[in-house]
């Protein structure tokens, strides 16, 4: 089902230094009263699509100094939490989430590719987050942004999805926002790899 969504950057900073990050990092935090007002306005708007949801993102949303209170506001208004994260702080907040929530963790390949893109020791924490969410029965997805440095990791990513009970694989194409060491794949190459993902995921069920 198509859904209206509000991608809410509740902080503009993150402990990682990802090569494909488009964020202009600072030290801004969205106040809780602003968060509540924006969510209320969005969720009360009469959109053509039948469903609407709020996505907590950033930066790293788990770094918000009042993250639990922010979740409480969104849960009261929206019924559940949807969030995009690097996963590194999931263990600290695992008991904040519920089965009906949707937590998306970014993983950009095998250990070598992921840590080339996102930094040392980040891969193990991301995988741990996926496993922990699976252990607690919390609905979770994986976001994979493909580029020349990690295009060989497609099957490893699918294997990881299977191993950690991922419900959805978001297979994105890297589009440069600024000068970076990363190089994008050609569009048709992405389409071919996307077809491979679709075929393999259908086979794996």
N, C-alpha and C. Protein backbone atom coordinates (compact mmCIF):
# COMPACT_ATOMS: atom_id res chain seq x y z
N UNK A 1 0.83 -1.20 0.00
CA UNK A 1 0.00 0.00 0.00
C UNK A 1 0.87 1.25 0.00
N UNK A 2 0.56 2.22 -0.84
CA UNK A 2 1.29 3.48 -0.88
C UNK A 2 0.97 4.29 0.37
N UNK A 3 1.99 4.97 0.89
CA UNK A 3 1.84 5.69 2.15
C UNK A 3 2.47 7.08 2.06
N UNK A 4 1.78 8.07 2.61
CA UNK A 4 2.41 9.38 2.80
C UNK A 4 3.39 9.24 3.96
N UNK A 5 4.59 9.78 3.80
CA UNK A 5 5.51 9.69 4.93
C UNK A 5 6.24 11.01 5.16
N UNK A 6 6.51 11.27 6.42
CA UNK A 6 7.27 12.44 6.84
C UNK A 6 8.59 11.95 7.40
N UNK A 7 9.70 12.26 6.72
CA UNK A 7 11.03 11.87 7.17
C UNK A 7 11.56 12.98 8.06
N UNK A 8 11.54 12.75 9.35
CA UNK A 8 11.79 13.80 10.33
C UNK A 8 13.21 13.70 10.88
N UNK A 9 14.06 14.66 10.53
CA UNK A 9 15.44 14.67 11.00
C UNK A 9 15.46 15.30 12.39
N UNK A 10 15.43 14.46 13.43
CA UNK A 10 15.31 14.99 14.79
C UNK A 10 16.65 15.44 15.37
N UNK A 11 17.76 15.01 14.76
CA UNK A 11 19.08 15.58 15.04
C UNK A 11 19.82 15.66 13.71
N UNK A 12 20.83 16.51 13.65
CA UNK A 12 21.58 16.62 12.39
C UNK A 12 23.03 16.18 12.54
N UNK A 13 23.26 15.26 13.46
CA UNK A 13 24.63 14.76 13.67
C UNK A 13 24.60 13.25 13.87
N UNK A 14 25.80 12.66 13.74
CA UNK A 14 25.93 11.20 13.78
C UNK A 14 27.38 10.88 14.14
N UNK A 15 27.63 9.79 14.87
CA UNK A 15 29.02 9.45 15.22
C UNK A 15 29.82 8.87 14.07
N UNK A 16 29.14 8.46 12.99
CA UNK A 16 29.84 7.90 11.84
C UNK A 16 30.20 9.01 10.85
N UNK A 17 31.05 8.66 9.90
CA UNK A 17 31.46 9.62 8.88
C UNK A 17 31.35 8.96 7.51
N UNK A 18 30.12 8.60 7.15
CA UNK A 18 29.88 7.83 5.94
C UNK A 18 30.24 8.61 4.68
N UNK A 19 30.86 7.93 3.75
CA UNK A 19 31.34 8.58 2.53
C UNK A 19 30.20 9.08 1.64
N UNK A 20 29.03 8.48 1.76
CA UNK A 20 27.92 8.91 0.90
C UNK A 20 26.92 9.82 1.62
N UNK A 21 27.26 10.28 2.82
CA UNK A 21 26.33 11.10 3.59
C UNK A 21 26.11 12.46 2.93
N UNK A 22 24.85 12.87 2.86
CA UNK A 22 24.49 14.17 2.27
C UNK A 22 24.30 15.23 3.35
N UNK A 23 24.42 14.86 4.61
CA UNK A 23 24.07 15.73 5.72
C UNK A 23 25.13 16.81 5.96
N UNK A 24 24.67 18.02 6.19
CA UNK A 24 25.55 19.08 6.67
C UNK A 24 25.50 19.02 8.20
N UNK A 25 26.47 18.35 8.79
CA UNK A 25 26.41 18.06 10.22
C UNK A 25 26.57 19.32 11.06
N UNK A 26 25.81 19.35 12.15
CA UNK A 26 25.88 20.45 13.09
C UNK A 26 25.67 19.93 14.49
N UNK A 27 24.90 20.66 15.29
CA UNK A 27 24.59 20.22 16.65
C UNK A 27 23.13 20.50 16.99
N UNK A 28 22.28 20.48 15.97
CA UNK A 28 20.87 20.82 16.16
C UNK A 28 20.06 19.63 16.66
N UNK A 29 19.14 19.92 17.55
CA UNK A 29 18.21 18.94 18.10
C UNK A 29 16.80 19.50 17.95
N UNK A 30 15.88 18.70 17.44
CA UNK A 30 14.50 19.14 17.32
C UNK A 30 13.83 19.11 18.69
N UNK A 31 13.34 20.26 19.17
CA UNK A 31 12.65 20.28 20.47
C UNK A 31 11.39 19.42 20.43
N UNK A 32 11.01 18.86 21.56
CA UNK A 32 9.87 17.97 21.61
C UNK A 32 8.57 18.66 21.24
N UNK A 33 8.42 19.94 21.61
CA UNK A 33 7.18 20.65 21.26
C UNK A 33 7.08 20.85 19.75
N UNK A 34 8.22 21.08 19.10
CA UNK A 34 8.22 21.20 17.64
C UNK A 34 7.91 19.84 16.99
N UNK A 35 8.52 18.79 17.51
CA UNK A 35 8.27 17.44 17.01
C UNK A 35 6.77 17.13 17.06
N UNK A 36 6.15 17.40 18.18
CA UNK A 36 4.73 17.12 18.36
C UNK A 36 3.89 17.94 17.39
N UNK A 37 4.20 19.22 17.25
CA UNK A 37 3.41 20.10 16.39
C UNK A 37 3.51 19.69 14.92
N UNK A 38 4.74 19.37 14.48
CA UNK A 38 4.94 18.96 13.08
C UNK A 38 4.21 17.65 12.79
N UNK A 39 4.32 16.70 13.71
CA UNK A 39 3.65 15.41 13.52
C UNK A 39 2.14 15.58 13.47
N UNK A 40 1.60 16.39 14.36
CA UNK A 40 0.16 16.62 14.38
C UNK A 40 -0.32 17.25 13.07
N UNK A 41 0.41 18.26 12.60
CA UNK A 41 0.04 18.91 11.34
C UNK A 41 0.06 17.91 10.19
N UNK A 42 1.12 17.11 10.13
CA UNK A 42 1.25 16.15 9.04
C UNK A 42 0.16 15.09 9.09
N UNK A 43 -0.05 14.50 10.25
CA UNK A 43 -0.99 13.39 10.37
C UNK A 43 -2.45 13.84 10.24
N UNK A 44 -2.70 15.13 10.44
CA UNK A 44 -4.06 15.65 10.31
C UNK A 44 -4.34 16.23 8.93
N UNK A 45 -3.36 16.21 8.06
CA UNK A 45 -3.54 16.72 6.70
C UNK A 45 -4.29 15.70 5.84
N UNK A 46 -5.20 16.18 5.04
CA UNK A 46 -6.02 15.30 4.19
C UNK A 46 -5.28 15.03 2.88
N UNK A 47 -4.42 14.01 2.88
CA UNK A 47 -3.68 13.63 1.68
C UNK A 47 -4.53 12.70 0.81
N UNK A 48 -4.20 12.63 -0.49
CA UNK A 48 -4.93 11.69 -1.37
C UNK A 48 -4.70 10.22 -1.00
N UNK A 49 -3.49 9.89 -0.52
CA UNK A 49 -3.21 8.51 -0.15
C UNK A 49 -3.85 8.18 1.21
N UNK A 50 -4.26 6.94 1.41
CA UNK A 50 -5.04 6.59 2.59
C UNK A 50 -4.26 6.53 3.90
N UNK A 51 -2.96 6.19 3.83
CA UNK A 51 -2.18 5.99 5.05
C UNK A 51 -1.03 7.00 5.14
N UNK A 52 -0.69 7.40 6.38
CA UNK A 52 0.44 8.31 6.61
C UNK A 52 1.27 7.78 7.77
N UNK A 53 2.56 8.04 7.73
CA UNK A 53 3.42 7.63 8.83
C UNK A 53 4.58 8.61 8.99
N UNK A 54 5.16 8.61 10.18
CA UNK A 54 6.30 9.48 10.51
C UNK A 54 7.53 8.60 10.66
N UNK A 55 8.62 9.01 10.00
CA UNK A 55 9.90 8.28 10.11
C UNK A 55 10.88 9.14 10.91
N UNK A 56 11.40 8.60 11.98
CA UNK A 56 12.43 9.30 12.75
C UNK A 56 13.78 9.00 12.13
N UNK A 57 14.49 10.06 11.75
CA UNK A 57 15.81 9.88 11.16
C UNK A 57 16.70 11.04 11.55
N UNK A 58 17.81 11.19 10.86
CA UNK A 58 18.75 12.26 11.20
C UNK A 58 19.75 12.44 10.08
N UNK A 59 20.95 12.57 10.45
CA UNK A 59 21.72 12.16 11.60
C UNK A 59 21.28 10.81 12.16
N UNK A 60 21.77 10.57 13.34
CA UNK A 60 21.42 9.34 14.06
C UNK A 60 20.33 9.68 15.08
N UNK A 61 19.07 9.28 14.81
CA UNK A 61 17.97 9.68 15.70
C UNK A 61 18.13 9.21 17.13
N UNK A 62 18.84 8.09 17.33
CA UNK A 62 19.03 7.57 18.68
C UNK A 62 19.92 8.47 19.54
N UNK A 63 20.54 9.47 18.94
CA UNK A 63 21.35 10.42 19.70
C UNK A 63 20.54 11.59 20.24
N UNK A 64 19.26 11.66 19.90
CA UNK A 64 18.42 12.73 20.45
C UNK A 64 18.42 12.61 21.98
N UNK A 65 18.71 13.69 22.70
CA UNK A 65 18.83 13.61 24.16
C UNK A 65 17.54 13.19 24.86
N UNK A 66 16.40 13.36 24.18
CA UNK A 66 15.11 12.94 24.74
C UNK A 66 14.45 11.92 23.80
N UNK A 67 15.25 10.95 23.37
CA UNK A 67 14.76 10.01 22.36
C UNK A 67 13.54 9.22 22.85
N UNK A 68 13.56 8.74 24.08
CA UNK A 68 12.44 7.95 24.58
C UNK A 68 11.16 8.79 24.61
N UNK A 69 11.29 10.05 25.04
CA UNK A 69 10.12 10.94 25.06
C UNK A 69 9.64 11.22 23.64
N UNK A 70 10.57 11.37 22.70
CA UNK A 70 10.20 11.58 21.29
C UNK A 70 9.42 10.39 20.76
N UNK A 71 9.87 9.18 21.11
CA UNK A 71 9.15 7.98 20.70
C UNK A 71 7.74 7.96 21.30
N UNK A 72 7.63 8.40 22.55
CA UNK A 72 6.32 8.43 23.20
C UNK A 72 5.35 9.34 22.47
N UNK A 73 5.83 10.48 22.02
CA UNK A 73 4.99 11.43 21.28
C UNK A 73 4.53 10.81 19.97
N UNK A 74 5.47 10.26 19.22
CA UNK A 74 5.13 9.68 17.91
C UNK A 74 4.22 8.47 18.07
N UNK A 75 4.48 7.64 19.06
CA UNK A 75 3.66 6.45 19.26
C UNK A 75 2.21 6.84 19.60
N UNK A 76 2.05 7.86 20.42
CA UNK A 76 0.72 8.31 20.79
C UNK A 76 -0.05 8.84 19.59
N UNK A 77 0.66 9.54 18.69
CA UNK A 77 0.01 10.15 17.54
C UNK A 77 -0.14 9.19 16.37
N UNK A 78 0.84 8.31 16.20
CA UNK A 78 0.91 7.49 14.99
C UNK A 78 0.67 6.00 15.25
N UNK A 79 0.69 5.61 16.51
CA UNK A 79 0.41 4.22 16.85
C UNK A 79 1.62 3.32 16.90
N UNK A 80 2.71 3.74 16.27
CA UNK A 80 3.93 2.93 16.24
C UNK A 80 5.11 3.83 15.89
N UNK A 81 6.30 3.28 16.02
CA UNK A 81 7.54 3.98 15.68
C UNK A 81 8.10 3.43 14.38
N UNK A 82 8.47 4.32 13.47
CA UNK A 82 9.24 3.94 12.29
C UNK A 82 10.52 4.75 12.32
N UNK A 83 11.65 4.09 12.10
CA UNK A 83 12.93 4.78 12.29
C UNK A 83 13.98 4.27 11.33
N UNK A 84 14.87 5.15 10.91
CA UNK A 84 16.02 4.80 10.09
C UNK A 84 17.28 5.07 10.90
N UNK A 85 18.16 4.07 11.02
CA UNK A 85 19.31 4.18 11.91
C UNK A 85 20.51 3.41 11.38
N UNK A 86 21.68 3.78 11.86
CA UNK A 86 22.89 3.01 11.58
C UNK A 86 22.95 1.75 12.42
N UNK A 87 22.15 1.71 13.48
CA UNK A 87 22.06 0.53 14.34
C UNK A 87 23.01 0.51 15.52
N UNK A 88 23.95 1.44 15.56
CA UNK A 88 25.01 1.32 16.57
C UNK A 88 24.51 1.47 18.01
N UNK A 89 23.38 2.16 18.21
CA UNK A 89 22.87 2.37 19.56
C UNK A 89 21.62 1.55 19.87
N UNK A 90 21.26 0.65 18.97
CA UNK A 90 20.07 -0.17 19.18
C UNK A 90 20.09 -0.92 20.52
N UNK A 91 21.22 -1.53 20.92
CA UNK A 91 21.21 -2.25 22.21
C UNK A 91 20.78 -1.39 23.39
N UNK A 92 21.15 -0.13 23.38
CA UNK A 92 20.80 0.77 24.49
C UNK A 92 19.30 1.00 24.57
N UNK A 93 18.63 0.99 23.42
CA UNK A 93 17.21 1.36 23.39
C UNK A 93 16.29 0.21 22.98
N UNK A 94 16.78 -1.01 22.98
CA UNK A 94 16.01 -2.13 22.46
C UNK A 94 14.66 -2.29 23.17
N UNK A 95 14.60 -1.97 24.46
CA UNK A 95 13.35 -2.15 25.20
C UNK A 95 12.38 -0.98 24.99
N UNK A 96 12.80 0.02 24.21
CA UNK A 96 11.90 1.12 23.86
C UNK A 96 10.95 0.72 22.74
N UNK A 97 11.36 -0.25 21.93
CA UNK A 97 10.61 -0.62 20.73
C UNK A 97 9.61 -1.74 20.99
N UNK A 98 8.61 -1.80 20.13
CA UNK A 98 7.56 -2.81 20.23
C UNK A 98 7.48 -3.59 18.92
N UNK A 99 6.78 -4.71 18.95
CA UNK A 99 6.69 -5.59 17.79
C UNK A 99 6.11 -4.88 16.56
N UNK A 100 5.21 -3.95 16.78
CA UNK A 100 4.54 -3.26 15.66
C UNK A 100 5.38 -2.15 15.05
N UNK A 101 6.51 -1.83 15.67
CA UNK A 101 7.38 -0.77 15.15
C UNK A 101 8.09 -1.24 13.89
N UNK A 102 8.73 -0.33 13.19
CA UNK A 102 9.50 -0.67 12.01
C UNK A 102 10.85 0.03 12.05
N UNK A 103 11.91 -0.74 12.28
CA UNK A 103 13.25 -0.17 12.44
C UNK A 103 14.10 -0.56 11.24
N UNK A 104 14.58 0.43 10.50
CA UNK A 104 15.43 0.18 9.34
C UNK A 104 16.89 0.42 9.70
N UNK A 105 17.73 -0.59 9.47
CA UNK A 105 19.16 -0.50 9.76
C UNK A 105 19.92 -0.46 8.43
N UNK A 106 20.87 0.44 8.33
CA UNK A 106 21.67 0.57 7.11
C UNK A 106 22.89 -0.34 7.17
N UNK A 107 23.03 -1.19 6.16
CA UNK A 107 24.22 -2.04 6.01
C UNK A 107 24.65 -1.94 4.55
N UNK A 108 25.91 -1.61 4.33
CA UNK A 108 26.37 -1.34 2.97
C UNK A 108 27.37 -2.35 2.46
N UNK A 109 27.08 -3.65 2.70
CA UNK A 109 27.93 -4.69 2.13
C UNK A 109 28.46 -5.64 3.17
N UNK A 110 29.52 -6.37 2.79
CA UNK A 110 30.19 -7.21 3.76
C UNK A 110 31.01 -6.31 4.69
N UNK A 111 31.73 -6.92 5.63
CA UNK A 111 32.47 -6.10 6.61
C UNK A 111 33.43 -5.11 5.93
N UNK A 112 34.18 -5.59 4.95
CA UNK A 112 35.19 -4.74 4.33
C UNK A 112 34.55 -3.55 3.61
N UNK A 113 33.51 -3.81 2.83
CA UNK A 113 32.86 -2.73 2.07
C UNK A 113 32.14 -1.78 3.01
N UNK A 114 31.41 -2.33 3.96
CA UNK A 114 30.64 -1.50 4.90
C UNK A 114 31.57 -0.57 5.67
N UNK A 115 32.68 -1.10 6.17
CA UNK A 115 33.57 -0.27 6.99
C UNK A 115 34.39 0.69 6.14
N UNK A 116 34.61 0.38 4.87
CA UNK A 116 35.22 1.35 3.96
C UNK A 116 34.30 2.56 3.80
N UNK A 117 33.00 2.31 3.73
CA UNK A 117 32.03 3.37 3.52
C UNK A 117 31.67 4.09 4.82
N UNK A 118 31.52 3.33 5.92
CA UNK A 118 30.95 3.89 7.14
C UNK A 118 31.92 4.01 8.32
N UNK A 119 33.09 3.37 8.23
CA UNK A 119 34.05 3.51 9.32
C UNK A 119 34.31 2.22 10.06
N UNK A 120 35.46 2.13 10.69
CA UNK A 120 35.89 0.91 11.39
C UNK A 120 34.95 0.55 12.53
N UNK A 121 34.76 -0.75 12.69
CA UNK A 121 33.97 -1.35 13.77
C UNK A 121 32.47 -1.03 13.68
N UNK A 122 32.03 -0.47 12.56
CA UNK A 122 30.60 -0.16 12.41
C UNK A 122 29.81 -1.36 11.92
N UNK A 123 30.44 -2.28 11.19
CA UNK A 123 29.71 -3.42 10.62
C UNK A 123 29.18 -4.35 11.71
N UNK A 124 30.03 -4.69 12.65
CA UNK A 124 29.63 -5.61 13.72
C UNK A 124 28.44 -5.05 14.50
N UNK A 125 28.42 -3.73 14.73
CA UNK A 125 27.34 -3.10 15.50
C UNK A 125 26.04 -3.11 14.70
N UNK A 126 26.12 -2.90 13.39
CA UNK A 126 24.93 -2.93 12.56
C UNK A 126 24.32 -4.32 12.51
N UNK A 127 25.17 -5.34 12.36
CA UNK A 127 24.68 -6.72 12.32
C UNK A 127 24.12 -7.12 13.68
N UNK A 128 24.76 -6.70 14.75
CA UNK A 128 24.26 -6.97 16.09
C UNK A 128 22.87 -6.37 16.28
N UNK A 129 22.67 -5.17 15.75
CA UNK A 129 21.36 -4.52 15.85
C UNK A 129 20.28 -5.35 15.16
N UNK A 130 20.57 -5.84 13.96
CA UNK A 130 19.61 -6.66 13.23
C UNK A 130 19.27 -7.93 14.02
N UNK A 131 20.29 -8.58 14.55
CA UNK A 131 20.07 -9.81 15.32
C UNK A 131 19.26 -9.55 16.58
N UNK A 132 19.54 -8.44 17.24
CA UNK A 132 18.84 -8.09 18.47
C UNK A 132 17.37 -7.79 18.20
N UNK A 133 17.10 -7.05 17.13
CA UNK A 133 15.72 -6.76 16.75
C UNK A 133 14.97 -8.05 16.43
N UNK A 134 15.66 -8.97 15.75
CA UNK A 134 15.05 -10.26 15.42
C UNK A 134 14.75 -11.06 16.69
N UNK A 135 15.70 -11.08 17.62
CA UNK A 135 15.52 -11.82 18.87
C UNK A 135 14.32 -11.30 19.67
N UNK A 136 14.06 -10.00 19.58
CA UNK A 136 12.96 -9.40 20.34
C UNK A 136 11.66 -9.33 19.54
N UNK A 137 11.67 -9.89 18.33
CA UNK A 137 10.45 -9.94 17.53
C UNK A 137 9.99 -8.59 17.03
N UNK A 138 10.91 -7.65 16.89
CA UNK A 138 10.57 -6.30 16.43
C UNK A 138 10.76 -6.24 14.92
N UNK A 139 9.73 -5.79 14.21
CA UNK A 139 9.78 -5.73 12.75
C UNK A 139 10.94 -4.83 12.32
N UNK A 140 11.77 -5.34 11.39
CA UNK A 140 12.94 -4.57 10.99
C UNK A 140 13.25 -4.80 9.51
N UNK A 141 13.87 -3.80 8.91
CA UNK A 141 14.25 -3.86 7.51
C UNK A 141 15.72 -3.48 7.36
N UNK A 142 16.25 -3.69 6.17
CA UNK A 142 17.65 -3.37 5.89
C UNK A 142 17.72 -2.44 4.69
N UNK A 143 18.51 -1.39 4.82
CA UNK A 143 18.74 -0.46 3.71
C UNK A 143 20.14 -0.65 3.17
N UNK A 144 20.23 -0.92 1.87
CA UNK A 144 21.52 -1.14 1.20
C UNK A 144 21.63 -0.16 0.04
N UNK A 145 22.62 0.73 0.09
CA UNK A 145 22.83 1.73 -0.96
C UNK A 145 24.00 1.28 -1.84
N UNK A 146 23.68 0.92 -3.07
CA UNK A 146 24.68 0.29 -3.92
C UNK A 146 25.53 1.31 -4.67
N UNK A 147 26.82 1.02 -4.77
CA UNK A 147 27.78 1.84 -5.51
C UNK A 147 28.88 0.90 -6.02
N UNK A 148 29.88 1.46 -6.66
CA UNK A 148 30.93 0.62 -7.24
C UNK A 148 31.73 -0.14 -6.18
N UNK A 149 31.79 0.40 -4.96
CA UNK A 149 32.60 -0.23 -3.92
C UNK A 149 31.93 -1.43 -3.27
N UNK A 150 30.61 -1.55 -3.44
CA UNK A 150 29.92 -2.65 -2.75
C UNK A 150 28.98 -3.46 -3.64
N UNK A 151 29.02 -3.24 -4.95
CA UNK A 151 28.07 -3.93 -5.83
C UNK A 151 28.30 -5.45 -5.84
N UNK A 152 29.49 -5.87 -5.44
CA UNK A 152 29.77 -7.32 -5.38
C UNK A 152 29.16 -7.97 -4.14
N UNK A 153 28.53 -7.17 -3.27
CA UNK A 153 28.04 -7.68 -1.99
C UNK A 153 26.54 -7.99 -1.98
N UNK A 154 25.90 -7.91 -3.14
CA UNK A 154 24.45 -8.07 -3.19
C UNK A 154 24.00 -9.38 -2.56
N UNK A 155 24.62 -10.49 -2.94
CA UNK A 155 24.20 -11.78 -2.40
C UNK A 155 24.51 -11.90 -0.91
N UNK A 156 25.60 -11.29 -0.46
CA UNK A 156 25.90 -11.29 0.98
C UNK A 156 24.83 -10.53 1.75
N UNK A 157 24.33 -9.44 1.18
CA UNK A 157 23.28 -8.67 1.83
C UNK A 157 21.99 -9.50 1.93
N UNK A 158 21.65 -10.22 0.87
CA UNK A 158 20.46 -11.07 0.90
C UNK A 158 20.64 -12.17 1.96
N UNK A 159 21.84 -12.77 2.01
CA UNK A 159 22.13 -13.78 3.04
C UNK A 159 21.92 -13.19 4.44
N UNK A 160 22.38 -11.97 4.64
CA UNK A 160 22.26 -11.32 5.94
C UNK A 160 20.79 -11.08 6.29
N UNK A 161 20.01 -10.69 5.30
CA UNK A 161 18.57 -10.50 5.51
C UNK A 161 17.93 -11.80 6.00
N UNK A 162 18.30 -12.90 5.38
CA UNK A 162 17.74 -14.21 5.75
C UNK A 162 18.19 -14.59 7.16
N UNK A 163 19.48 -14.39 7.44
CA UNK A 163 20.04 -14.77 8.74
C UNK A 163 19.42 -13.99 9.90
N UNK A 164 19.01 -12.76 9.65
CA UNK A 164 18.56 -11.88 10.74
C UNK A 164 17.06 -11.57 10.67
N UNK A 165 16.31 -12.31 9.88
CA UNK A 165 14.86 -12.17 9.87
C UNK A 165 14.34 -10.85 9.35
N UNK A 166 15.06 -10.25 8.41
CA UNK A 166 14.65 -8.96 7.86
C UNK A 166 13.36 -9.11 7.05
N UNK A 167 12.43 -8.17 7.25
CA UNK A 167 11.15 -8.24 6.54
C UNK A 167 11.21 -7.59 5.17
N UNK A 168 12.04 -6.55 5.01
CA UNK A 168 12.10 -5.81 3.76
C UNK A 168 13.54 -5.39 3.48
N UNK A 169 13.96 -5.54 2.24
CA UNK A 169 15.26 -5.03 1.79
C UNK A 169 15.04 -3.82 0.90
N UNK A 170 15.50 -2.67 1.34
CA UNK A 170 15.43 -1.45 0.53
C UNK A 170 16.74 -1.33 -0.24
N UNK A 171 16.64 -1.49 -1.54
CA UNK A 171 17.81 -1.60 -2.43
C UNK A 171 17.94 -0.28 -3.19
N UNK A 172 18.80 0.61 -2.68
CA UNK A 172 18.89 1.97 -3.18
C UNK A 172 20.11 2.16 -4.09
N UNK A 173 20.04 3.15 -4.97
CA UNK A 173 21.17 3.49 -5.81
C UNK A 173 21.85 4.74 -5.26
N UNK A 174 23.16 4.70 -5.14
CA UNK A 174 23.93 5.85 -4.66
C UNK A 174 23.90 6.97 -5.69
N UNK A 175 23.47 8.14 -5.23
CA UNK A 175 23.44 9.33 -6.08
C UNK A 175 24.26 10.42 -5.39
N UNK A 176 25.43 10.75 -5.94
CA UNK A 176 26.33 11.69 -5.27
C UNK A 176 25.70 13.06 -5.02
N UNK A 177 25.82 13.52 -3.77
CA UNK A 177 25.37 14.86 -3.41
C UNK A 177 26.54 15.84 -3.34
N UNK A 178 27.72 15.28 -3.19
CA UNK A 178 28.93 16.10 -3.07
C UNK A 178 30.12 15.23 -3.48
N UNK A 179 31.30 15.81 -3.53
CA UNK A 179 32.50 15.08 -3.93
C UNK A 179 32.76 13.96 -2.92
N UNK A 180 33.05 12.76 -3.43
CA UNK A 180 33.22 11.60 -2.56
C UNK A 180 34.16 10.60 -3.22
N UNK A 181 34.72 9.70 -2.40
CA UNK A 181 35.53 8.61 -2.92
C UNK A 181 34.67 7.57 -3.63
N UNK A 182 33.40 7.56 -3.35
CA UNK A 182 32.50 6.56 -3.93
C UNK A 182 32.10 6.94 -5.35
N UNK A 183 31.91 5.91 -6.16
CA UNK A 183 31.47 6.11 -7.53
C UNK A 183 30.14 5.39 -7.74
N UNK A 184 29.19 6.04 -8.38
CA UNK A 184 27.89 5.39 -8.60
C UNK A 184 27.96 4.31 -9.65
N UNK A 185 27.01 3.38 -9.59
CA UNK A 185 26.87 2.40 -10.66
C UNK A 185 26.01 3.03 -11.75
N UNK A 186 26.12 2.50 -12.97
CA UNK A 186 25.24 2.96 -14.05
C UNK A 186 23.81 2.56 -13.74
N UNK A 187 22.87 3.35 -14.22
CA UNK A 187 21.47 3.09 -13.91
C UNK A 187 21.03 1.70 -14.38
N UNK A 188 21.41 1.33 -15.59
CA UNK A 188 21.00 0.03 -16.11
C UNK A 188 21.65 -1.12 -15.34
N UNK A 189 22.85 -0.86 -14.83
CA UNK A 189 23.51 -1.87 -13.99
C UNK A 189 22.71 -2.07 -12.71
N UNK A 190 22.23 -0.98 -12.13
CA UNK A 190 21.40 -1.06 -10.94
C UNK A 190 20.12 -1.84 -11.22
N UNK A 191 19.51 -1.58 -12.37
CA UNK A 191 18.29 -2.29 -12.75
C UNK A 191 18.55 -3.79 -12.86
N UNK A 192 19.67 -4.15 -13.47
CA UNK A 192 20.03 -5.57 -13.60
C UNK A 192 20.24 -6.22 -12.24
N UNK A 193 20.94 -5.51 -11.35
CA UNK A 193 21.17 -6.04 -10.01
C UNK A 193 19.86 -6.11 -9.22
N UNK A 194 18.99 -5.15 -9.43
CA UNK A 194 17.70 -5.15 -8.75
C UNK A 194 16.87 -6.37 -9.18
N UNK A 195 16.94 -6.70 -10.47
CA UNK A 195 16.23 -7.90 -10.96
C UNK A 195 16.80 -9.16 -10.32
N UNK A 196 18.13 -9.18 -10.17
CA UNK A 196 18.76 -10.32 -9.51
C UNK A 196 18.26 -10.45 -8.07
N UNK A 197 18.15 -9.32 -7.36
CA UNK A 197 17.65 -9.33 -5.99
C UNK A 197 16.22 -9.86 -5.96
N UNK A 198 15.40 -9.37 -6.87
CA UNK A 198 13.99 -9.80 -6.90
C UNK A 198 13.87 -11.31 -7.14
N UNK A 199 14.67 -11.82 -8.09
CA UNK A 199 14.63 -13.25 -8.39
C UNK A 199 15.09 -14.07 -7.19
N UNK A 200 16.17 -13.61 -6.57
CA UNK A 200 16.71 -14.40 -5.45
C UNK A 200 15.80 -14.35 -4.23
N UNK A 201 15.21 -13.19 -3.97
CA UNK A 201 14.32 -13.09 -2.82
C UNK A 201 13.04 -13.90 -3.03
N UNK A 202 12.57 -13.95 -4.28
CA UNK A 202 11.41 -14.80 -4.60
C UNK A 202 11.75 -16.28 -4.37
N UNK A 203 12.96 -16.67 -4.78
CA UNK A 203 13.41 -18.04 -4.62
C UNK A 203 13.53 -18.41 -3.14
N UNK A 204 14.06 -17.45 -2.36
CA UNK A 204 14.27 -17.72 -0.93
C UNK A 204 12.98 -17.60 -0.12
N UNK A 205 11.95 -16.97 -0.73
CA UNK A 205 10.68 -16.82 -0.03
C UNK A 205 10.72 -15.73 1.00
